[in-house]
Amino acid sequence: MAAAYHINDDEGLITVRAEGDLDTHAIAAIGRAMLDEAGFDTDLPLLMDFRGVRLPRQAEALAELRAFVEHEFRAEVDGTVAVVIDDGLDPRLCADLYRLTCMLSRAELFEDYEQALKWIMRRDFAQLSPLLEQQDSADDRRNEAPE
């Protein structure tokens, strides 16, 4: 498996998994296929697992990937995006991937899969506890004019 995605409507999560030697064309292609999928929901959180991926660090290849993220991907994705890489990547490539992640308004880069999953769960699946809901409604009443 070079790269694949899975849209899970039941769990409300899209996952992308890539591994091995990939070029930026393959990453952009899987991204385009996902965006074109009939079941793609722009608001679903997205977990992109790139642990074990080896990318060529060529300026023109990274420029193409940057253009895809900036002009196509960013325009179609409104949900939270967690990007997971491993610490075995070249430090300059990590910096490039960080810059690509920063192009997305609701995205973070992680070196730990579990942390990325927890981050998504806290941002997208956590409900306010009853105590916090009560506190919020008390704050709303506090700002009302006295009767």
Protein backbone atom coordinates (compact mmCIF):
# COMPACT_ATOMS: atom_id res chain seq x y z
CA MET A 1 0.00 0.00 0.00
CA ALA A 2 1.49 3.31 -1.01
CA ALA A 3 -1.39 5.61 -0.06
CA ALA A 4 -5.09 5.14 0.64
CA TYR A 5 -7.95 6.94 2.33
CA HIS A 6 -11.08 5.81 4.15
CA ILE A 7 -14.20 7.88 4.78
CA ASN A 8 -16.04 6.55 7.82
CA ASP A 9 -19.39 8.32 8.10
CA ASP A 10 -20.42 6.19 11.10
CA GLU A 11 -17.46 7.36 13.18
CA GLY A 12 -17.34 10.78 11.56
CA LEU A 13 -13.68 10.56 10.59
CA ILE A 14 -11.63 10.46 7.42
CA THR A 15 -8.29 8.69 7.57
CA VAL A 16 -5.43 8.81 5.10
CA ARG A 17 -2.56 6.33 5.41
CA ALA A 18 0.60 6.46 3.35
CA GLU A 19 3.88 4.62 3.71
CA GLY A 20 7.05 3.77 1.86
CA ASP A 21 8.67 5.62 -1.01
CA LEU A 22 6.22 8.15 -2.41
CA ASP A 23 6.53 11.09 -4.66
CA THR A 24 4.49 14.23 -4.26
CA HIS A 25 2.39 13.28 -7.30
CA ALA A 26 1.06 10.22 -5.41
CA ILE A 27 0.16 12.30 -2.36
CA ALA A 28 -1.62 14.91 -4.48
CA ALA A 29 -3.40 12.14 -6.44
CA ILE A 30 -4.76 10.48 -3.30
CA GLY A 31 -5.83 13.90 -2.03
CA ARG A 32 -7.66 14.68 -5.26
CA ALA A 33 -9.36 11.27 -5.28
CA MET A 34 -10.54 11.82 -1.70
CA LEU A 35 -11.87 15.31 -2.49
CA ASP A 36 -13.71 13.93 -5.55
CA GLU A 37 -15.26 11.03 -3.60
CA ALA A 38 -19.07 11.27 -3.43
CA GLY A 39 -19.05 10.56 0.32
CA PHE A 40 -16.46 13.24 1.14
CA ASP A 41 -17.74 15.67 3.78
CA THR A 42 -15.74 18.90 4.05
CA ASP A 43 -16.52 19.21 7.77
CA LEU A 44 -15.36 15.76 8.90
CA PRO A 45 -12.10 15.64 10.86
CA LEU A 46 -9.18 14.21 8.95
CA LEU A 47 -6.35 12.07 10.35
CA MET A 48 -3.43 11.86 7.92
CA ASP A 49 -0.89 9.21 8.91
CA PHE A 50 2.41 9.67 7.07
CA ARG A 51 4.60 7.64 9.42
CA GLY A 52 7.17 5.71 7.41
CA VAL A 53 6.78 7.81 4.28
CA ARG A 54 9.91 8.66 2.39
CA LEU A 55 9.59 11.65 0.07
CA PRO A 56 12.13 13.08 -2.32
CA ARG A 57 13.26 16.50 -1.16
CA GLN A 58 13.22 18.22 -4.50
CA ALA A 59 12.22 21.86 -4.72
CA GLU A 60 9.97 21.38 -7.76
CA ALA A 61 8.20 18.37 -6.23
CA LEU A 62 7.54 20.24 -2.99
CA ALA A 63 6.34 23.27 -4.96
CA GLU A 64 3.74 21.07 -6.68
CA LEU A 65 2.55 19.66 -3.35
CA ARG A 66 2.44 23.17 -1.86
CA ALA A 67 0.30 24.35 -4.81
CA PHE A 68 -2.10 21.42 -4.34
CA VAL A 69 -2.49 22.13 -0.60
CA GLU A 70 -2.83 25.87 -1.08
CA HIS A 71 -5.18 25.95 -4.07
CA GLU A 72 -7.20 22.73 -3.96
CA PHE A 73 -7.03 20.99 -0.59
CA ARG A 74 -7.36 24.06 1.63
CA ALA A 75 -10.41 25.27 -0.32
CA GLU A 76 -12.24 21.95 0.18
CA VAL A 77 -11.38 20.97 3.77
CA ASP A 78 -13.13 22.74 6.63
CA GLY A 79 -12.67 20.12 9.35
CA THR A 80 -9.86 19.56 11.81
CA VAL A 81 -6.75 18.01 10.26
CA ALA A 82 -4.12 16.07 12.21
CA VAL A 83 -0.97 15.17 10.27
CA VAL A 84 1.23 12.47 11.80
CA ILE A 85 4.86 12.02 10.79
CA ASP A 86 7.68 10.06 12.39
CA ASP A 87 10.91 11.38 13.80
CA GLY A 88 12.93 9.50 11.19
CA LEU A 89 12.23 12.08 8.50
CA ASP A 90 14.90 14.46 7.32
CA PRO A 91 14.69 17.63 9.49
CA ARG A 92 14.36 19.87 6.41
CA LEU A 93 11.52 17.73 5.08
CA CYS A 94 9.84 17.92 8.51
CA ALA A 95 10.07 21.70 8.29
CA ASP A 96 8.51 21.63 4.81
CA LEU A 97 5.66 19.43 6.01
CA TYR A 98 5.16 21.75 8.98
CA ARG A 99 4.84 24.73 6.61
CA LEU A 100 2.33 22.81 4.49
CA THR A 101 0.32 21.96 7.61
CA CYS A 102 0.33 25.62 8.64
CA MET A 103 -1.46 26.49 5.39
CA LEU A 104 -4.58 24.87 6.86
CA SER A 105 -6.38 26.91 9.49
CA ARG A 106 -7.45 23.97 11.68
CA ALA A 107 -4.44 21.66 11.36
CA GLU A 108 -1.63 20.41 13.59
CA LEU A 109 1.47 18.32 12.95
CA PHE A 110 2.27 15.44 15.33
CA GLU A 111 5.04 12.88 15.85
CA ASP A 112 2.74 10.67 17.92
CA TYR A 113 -0.33 8.96 16.43
CA GLU A 114 -2.12 8.64 19.78
CA GLN A 115 -1.67 12.34 20.54
CA ALA A 116 -3.07 13.24 17.13
CA LEU A 117 -6.11 11.04 17.67
CA LYS A 118 -6.70 12.49 21.15
CA TRP A 119 -6.39 16.02 19.75
CA ILE A 120 -9.06 15.28 17.13
CA MET A 121 -11.32 13.66 19.71
CA ARG A 122 -11.06 16.63 22.07
CA ARG A 123 -11.71 19.14 19.28
CA ASP A 124 -14.45 17.31 17.41
CA PHE A 125 -16.07 14.70 19.61
CA ALA A 126 -15.90 16.01 23.19
CA GLN A 127 -19.20 17.25 24.57
CA LEU A 128 -19.46 19.87 27.26
CA SER A 129 -19.97 18.28 30.62
CA PRO A 130 -23.27 19.10 32.39
CA LEU A 131 -21.35 21.25 34.92
CA LEU A 132 -19.78 23.33 32.14
CA GLU A 133 -23.15 23.66 30.40
CA GLN A 134 -24.66 24.97 33.64
CA GLN A 135 -21.76 27.39 34.07
CA ASP A 136 -22.23 28.67 30.51
CA SER A 137 -25.93 29.31 31.09
CA ALA A 138 -25.11 31.05 34.40
CA ASP A 139 -22.66 33.31 32.57
CA ASP A 140 -25.38 34.14 30.04
CA ARG A 141 -27.79 35.14 32.81
CA ARG A 142 -25.13 37.18 34.58
CA ASN A 143 -25.02 39.58 31.66
CA GLU A 144 -28.77 40.16 31.64
CA ALA A 145 -30.19 43.40 33.00
CA PRO A 146 -31.85 43.09 36.45
CA GLU A 147 -35.62 42.86 36.46
